[in-house]
Amino acid sequence: MLPALYLLPVTLGDTAIYAVLPAYNCEVIRAIRHFIVEDVRSARRFLKKVDREIDIDALTFYPLNKHTSPEAISDYLKPLLAGESMGVISEAGCPAVADPGADVVAIAQRKNLKVVPLVGPSSIILSVMASGFNGQSFAFHGYLPIEPAERAKRLKQLEQRIYNEQQTQLFIETPYRNNKMVEDILHNCRPQTRLCIAANITCEGEYIRTKTVKEWQGHTPDLSKIPCIFLLYK
């Protein structure tokens, strides 16, 4: 295995490893001793899920979040510069996509270090696939504003892009505020605009449905505390 910064996808929930990750990913993970991770505890749990025989205490973990300085991130790459492979692990899904892992990848690229993305589940890609919306032009916006007036304004802006640019719009919300997000979408978007609600992707209780705003009225599911992504299209 060539020394590289391996981007290691994680299951999106309590899903069996074999159901969403190739066996090759597990081979790569077993060969790595240095991991740059969004959360050390969840990364340790994930690695034990991959292989119970992995000696967690023999591994080195480097925490990476929005508070980690660029200088610290650069120092994290010293093992890779010395010829040892490293892995990047997100909290869930694919590292460096809507994830602080992008910062370490950017530094690795500037240093001309080899970066290898491995195959795994991405809620963004999977939801686009299952929505029936435009998969050639789409944009992910992360979290929308919390303040009601600003959120309403943002929803209308995204909806306008649907009709002007034929571009699918995606965004997420903190799970305990999902139901309020649906309420705001139905209140602010046009009746004919289509909304796809994709929840628990690849997990037990997976729910992916596309309907118009008008069709959703009075028929929305309870999405509280469920990982969810929302998509809008015309």
Protein backbone atom coordinates (compact mmCIF):
# COMPACT_ATOMS: atom_id res chain seq x y z
CA MET A 1 0.00 0.00 0.00
CA LEU A 2 1.48 3.33 -1.08
CA PRO A 3 1.95 5.98 1.62
CA ALA A 4 -0.93 8.43 1.24
CA LEU A 5 -3.60 10.42 3.02
CA TYR A 6 -6.55 8.04 2.79
CA LEU A 7 -10.03 9.55 3.07
CA LEU A 8 -12.04 6.90 4.92
CA PRO A 9 -15.85 7.01 4.66
CA VAL A 10 -17.88 6.06 7.73
CA THR A 11 -21.35 4.52 7.97
CA LEU A 12 -24.17 7.07 8.16
CA GLY A 13 -25.64 5.35 11.21
CA ASP A 14 -25.75 1.98 12.93
CA THR A 15 -25.42 0.11 9.64
CA ALA A 16 -23.38 -3.03 9.07
CA ILE A 17 -19.96 -2.24 7.62
CA TYR A 18 -20.30 -4.82 4.85
CA ALA A 19 -23.56 -3.20 3.65
CA VAL A 20 -21.99 0.15 2.72
CA LEU A 21 -18.19 -0.15 2.64
CA PRO A 22 -16.00 -2.24 0.29
CA ALA A 23 -13.75 -4.87 1.85
CA TYR A 24 -10.75 -2.96 0.47
CA ASN A 25 -11.52 -0.06 2.83
CA CYS A 26 -11.09 -2.40 5.80
CA GLU A 27 -7.74 -3.62 4.45
CA VAL A 28 -6.51 -0.05 4.17
CA ILE A 29 -7.72 0.83 7.67
CA ARG A 30 -5.90 -2.13 9.21
CA ALA A 31 -2.62 -0.89 7.72
CA ILE A 32 -2.89 2.67 9.11
CA ARG A 33 -1.56 3.78 12.49
CA HIS A 34 -2.24 7.53 12.32
CA PHE A 35 -5.76 8.96 12.02
CA ILE A 36 -6.96 12.56 11.68
CA VAL A 37 -10.50 12.51 13.04
CA GLU A 38 -13.46 14.81 13.64
CA ASP A 39 -14.25 13.07 16.93
CA VAL A 40 -11.84 10.68 18.67
CA ARG A 41 -14.49 8.66 20.52
CA SER A 42 -16.66 8.00 17.46
CA ALA A 43 -13.55 7.24 15.36
CA ARG A 44 -12.44 4.63 17.90
CA ARG A 45 -15.90 3.04 17.85
CA PHE A 46 -15.88 2.96 14.06
CA LEU A 47 -12.47 1.28 13.90
CA LYS A 48 -13.58 -1.38 16.38
CA LYS A 49 -16.66 -1.92 14.22
CA VAL A 50 -14.39 -2.46 11.23
CA ASP A 51 -12.24 -5.01 13.08
CA ARG A 52 -12.48 -5.96 16.75
CA GLU A 53 -8.87 -7.12 16.64
CA ILE A 54 -7.52 -3.62 15.94
CA ASP A 55 -5.36 -2.45 18.86
CA ILE A 56 -6.88 0.98 19.40
CA ASP A 57 -4.30 1.92 22.04
CA ALA A 58 -1.49 1.44 19.50
CA LEU A 59 -2.98 4.09 17.22
CA THR A 60 -2.47 7.86 17.22
CA PHE A 61 -5.46 10.17 16.81
CA TYR A 62 -5.29 13.83 15.79
CA PRO A 63 -8.52 15.80 16.48
CA LEU A 64 -9.73 17.98 13.62
CA ASN A 65 -12.62 20.41 13.99
CA LYS A 66 -13.50 24.03 13.25
CA HIS A 67 -11.29 25.17 16.15
CA THR A 68 -8.13 23.39 14.94
CA SER A 69 -5.55 25.89 13.68
CA PRO A 70 -3.95 25.55 10.21
CA GLU A 71 -0.56 25.25 11.95
CA ALA A 72 -1.77 22.28 14.01
CA ILE A 73 -3.27 20.63 10.94
CA SER A 74 0.00 21.01 9.07
CA ASP A 75 1.86 19.38 11.98
CA TYR A 76 -0.57 16.45 11.86
CA LEU A 77 0.87 15.49 8.47
CA LYS A 78 4.39 14.81 9.78
CA PRO A 79 3.92 11.00 9.75
CA LEU A 80 2.86 11.18 6.11
CA LEU A 81 5.87 13.33 5.26
CA ALA A 82 7.97 10.62 6.92
CA GLY A 83 6.47 7.97 4.64
CA GLU A 84 3.65 6.59 6.82
CA SER A 85 0.09 6.39 5.57
CA MET A 86 -2.58 8.39 7.39
CA GLY A 87 -6.37 8.22 7.44
CA VAL A 88 -9.02 10.93 7.72
CA ILE A 89 -12.28 9.96 9.44
CA SER A 90 -15.42 12.11 9.58
CA GLU A 91 -18.22 11.88 12.14
CA ALA A 92 -20.37 10.20 9.46
CA GLY A 93 -20.28 9.74 5.71
CA CYS A 94 -17.43 10.93 3.50
CA PRO A 95 -14.59 13.03 4.94
CA ALA A 96 -13.90 16.45 3.39
CA VAL A 97 -17.46 16.79 2.04
CA ALA A 98 -19.33 19.29 4.24
CA ASP A 99 -16.67 18.35 6.78
CA PRO A 100 -13.55 19.91 8.35
CA GLY A 101 -11.47 17.16 6.72
CA ALA A 102 -11.32 19.43 3.67
CA ASP A 103 -8.79 21.60 5.53
CA VAL A 104 -6.24 18.83 5.93
CA VAL A 105 -6.76 17.67 2.35
CA ALA A 106 -6.07 21.21 1.11
CA ILE A 107 -2.79 21.32 3.03
CA ALA A 108 -1.81 17.86 1.77
CA GLN A 109 -2.43 18.99 -1.81
CA ARG A 110 -0.31 22.12 -1.31
CA LYS A 111 2.50 19.91 0.00
CA ASN A 112 2.15 17.63 -3.07
CA LEU A 113 1.27 14.64 -0.88
CA LYS A 114 -0.74 11.76 -2.31
CA VAL A 115 -4.45 11.88 -1.41
CA VAL A 116 -6.64 8.80 -1.95
CA PRO A 117 -10.45 9.02 -1.55
CA LEU A 118 -12.10 5.68 -0.81
CA VAL A 119 -15.63 4.65 -1.75
CA GLY A 120 -18.41 5.03 0.82
CA PRO A 121 -21.83 6.49 1.60
CA SER A 122 -22.55 10.17 1.05
CA SER A 123 -26.00 11.41 2.05
CA ILE A 124 -25.65 14.23 -0.49
CA ILE A 125 -25.04 11.95 -3.48
CA LEU A 126 -27.43 9.21 -2.36
CA SER A 127 -30.28 11.66 -1.80
CA VAL A 128 -29.78 13.23 -5.23
CA MET A 129 -29.82 9.75 -6.77
CA ALA A 130 -33.10 8.84 -5.08
CA SER A 131 -34.92 12.18 -5.42
CA GLY A 132 -35.70 12.16 -9.12
CA PHE A 133 -34.23 15.69 -9.33
CA ASN A 134 -31.55 17.16 -11.58
CA GLY A 135 -28.35 15.21 -10.92
CA GLN A 136 -26.26 17.19 -13.40
CA SER A 137 -26.55 20.49 -11.58
CA PHE A 138 -27.06 20.62 -7.82
CA ALA A 139 -25.80 22.63 -4.86
CA PHE A 140 -25.45 21.74 -1.19
CA HIS A 141 -25.84 24.65 1.24
CA GLY A 142 -25.34 23.06 4.66
CA TYR A 143 -27.44 24.74 7.35
CA LEU A 144 -29.86 27.54 6.56
CA PRO A 145 -30.29 30.58 8.86
CA ILE A 146 -32.14 29.96 12.13
CA GLU A 147 -33.77 33.39 12.37
CA PRO A 148 -37.26 33.08 10.79
CA ALA A 149 -37.10 36.09 8.46
CA GLU A 150 -33.61 35.22 7.24
CA ARG A 151 -34.56 31.58 6.75
CA ALA A 152 -37.67 32.53 4.74
CA LYS A 153 -35.55 34.84 2.59
CA ARG A 154 -32.97 32.10 1.99
CA LEU A 155 -35.59 29.52 1.06
CA LYS A 156 -37.07 31.87 -1.50
CA GLN A 157 -33.59 32.55 -2.93
CA LEU A 158 -32.89 28.83 -3.30
CA GLU A 159 -36.29 28.26 -4.85
CA GLN A 160 -35.61 31.00 -7.39
CA ARG A 161 -32.40 29.25 -8.42
CA ILE A 162 -34.43 26.13 -9.13
CA TYR A 163 -36.56 27.96 -11.66
CA ASN A 164 -33.84 30.23 -13.08
CA GLU A 165 -30.99 27.70 -13.31
CA GLN A 166 -32.76 24.30 -13.18
CA GLN A 167 -30.45 23.45 -10.29
CA THR A 168 -31.36 21.06 -7.45
CA GLN A 169 -30.94 22.68 -4.01
CA LEU A 170 -29.92 20.64 -0.95
CA PHE A 171 -29.61 21.57 2.72
CA ILE A 172 -29.74 20.07 6.20
CA GLU A 173 -30.94 20.98 9.67
CA THR A 174 -30.11 19.97 13.24
CA PRO A 175 -32.22 16.80 13.75
CA TYR A 176 -34.35 18.19 16.58
CA ARG A 177 -35.37 21.11 14.32
CA ASN A 178 -36.27 19.00 11.26
CA ASN A 179 -40.02 19.31 11.73
CA LYS A 180 -39.76 23.10 11.95
CA MET A 181 -37.69 23.09 8.75
CA VAL A 182 -40.42 21.18 6.90
CA GLU A 183 -42.99 23.61 8.24
CA ASP A 184 -40.95 26.56 6.99
CA ILE A 185 -40.46 25.00 3.55
CA LEU A 186 -44.18 24.35 3.13
CA HIS A 187 -44.99 27.89 4.27
CA ASN A 188 -42.49 29.70 2.04
CA CYS A 189 -42.21 27.68 -1.17
CA ARG A 190 -44.58 27.53 -4.13
CA PRO A 191 -47.25 24.80 -4.15
CA GLN A 192 -45.80 23.24 -7.32
CA THR A 193 -42.19 23.16 -6.08
CA ARG A 194 -41.11 19.62 -5.32
CA LEU A 195 -39.57 18.67 -1.98
CA CYS A 196 -37.67 15.44 -1.36
CA ILE A 197 -37.23 14.41 2.27
CA ALA A 198 -34.43 11.86 2.70
CA ALA A 199 -33.99 10.50 6.23
CA ASN A 200 -31.95 7.68 7.78
CA ILE A 201 -30.23 7.01 4.46
CA THR A 202 -28.73 3.47 4.35
CA CYS A 203 -30.03 2.87 7.89
CA GLU A 204 -32.98 1.05 9.42
CA GLY A 205 -36.14 3.05 8.81
CA GLU A 206 -34.78 4.72 5.68
CA TYR A 207 -37.34 7.19 4.32
CA ILE A 208 -36.97 8.92 0.93
CA ARG A 209 -40.04 10.56 -0.61
CA THR A 210 -40.57 13.26 -3.25
CA LYS A 211 -43.82 15.24 -3.47
CA THR A 212 -44.89 18.76 -4.34
CA VAL A 213 -45.21 21.27 -1.51
CA LYS A 214 -48.98 21.11 -1.98
CA GLU A 215 -48.99 17.30 -1.72
CA TRP A 216 -46.90 17.40 1.48
CA GLN A 217 -49.39 19.71 3.21
CA GLY A 218 -50.98 17.78 6.08
CA HIS A 219 -49.01 14.60 5.29
CA THR A 220 -45.52 15.20 6.67
CA PRO A 221 -43.68 12.51 8.68
CA ASP A 222 -42.27 13.05 12.17
CA LEU A 223 -38.58 13.75 11.55
CA SER A 224 -37.51 14.78 15.05
CA LYS A 225 -34.02 13.55 16.04
CA ILE A 226 -33.54 11.78 12.67
CA PRO A 227 -30.58 12.51 10.34
CA CYS A 228 -32.23 14.14 7.35
CA ILE A 229 -31.44 16.02 4.16
CA PHE A 230 -33.86 18.20 2.20
CA LEU A 231 -33.90 18.73 -1.57
CA LEU A 232 -35.88 21.23 -3.63
CA TYR A 233 -36.51 21.21 -7.36
CA LYS A 234 -39.21 22.29 -9.77
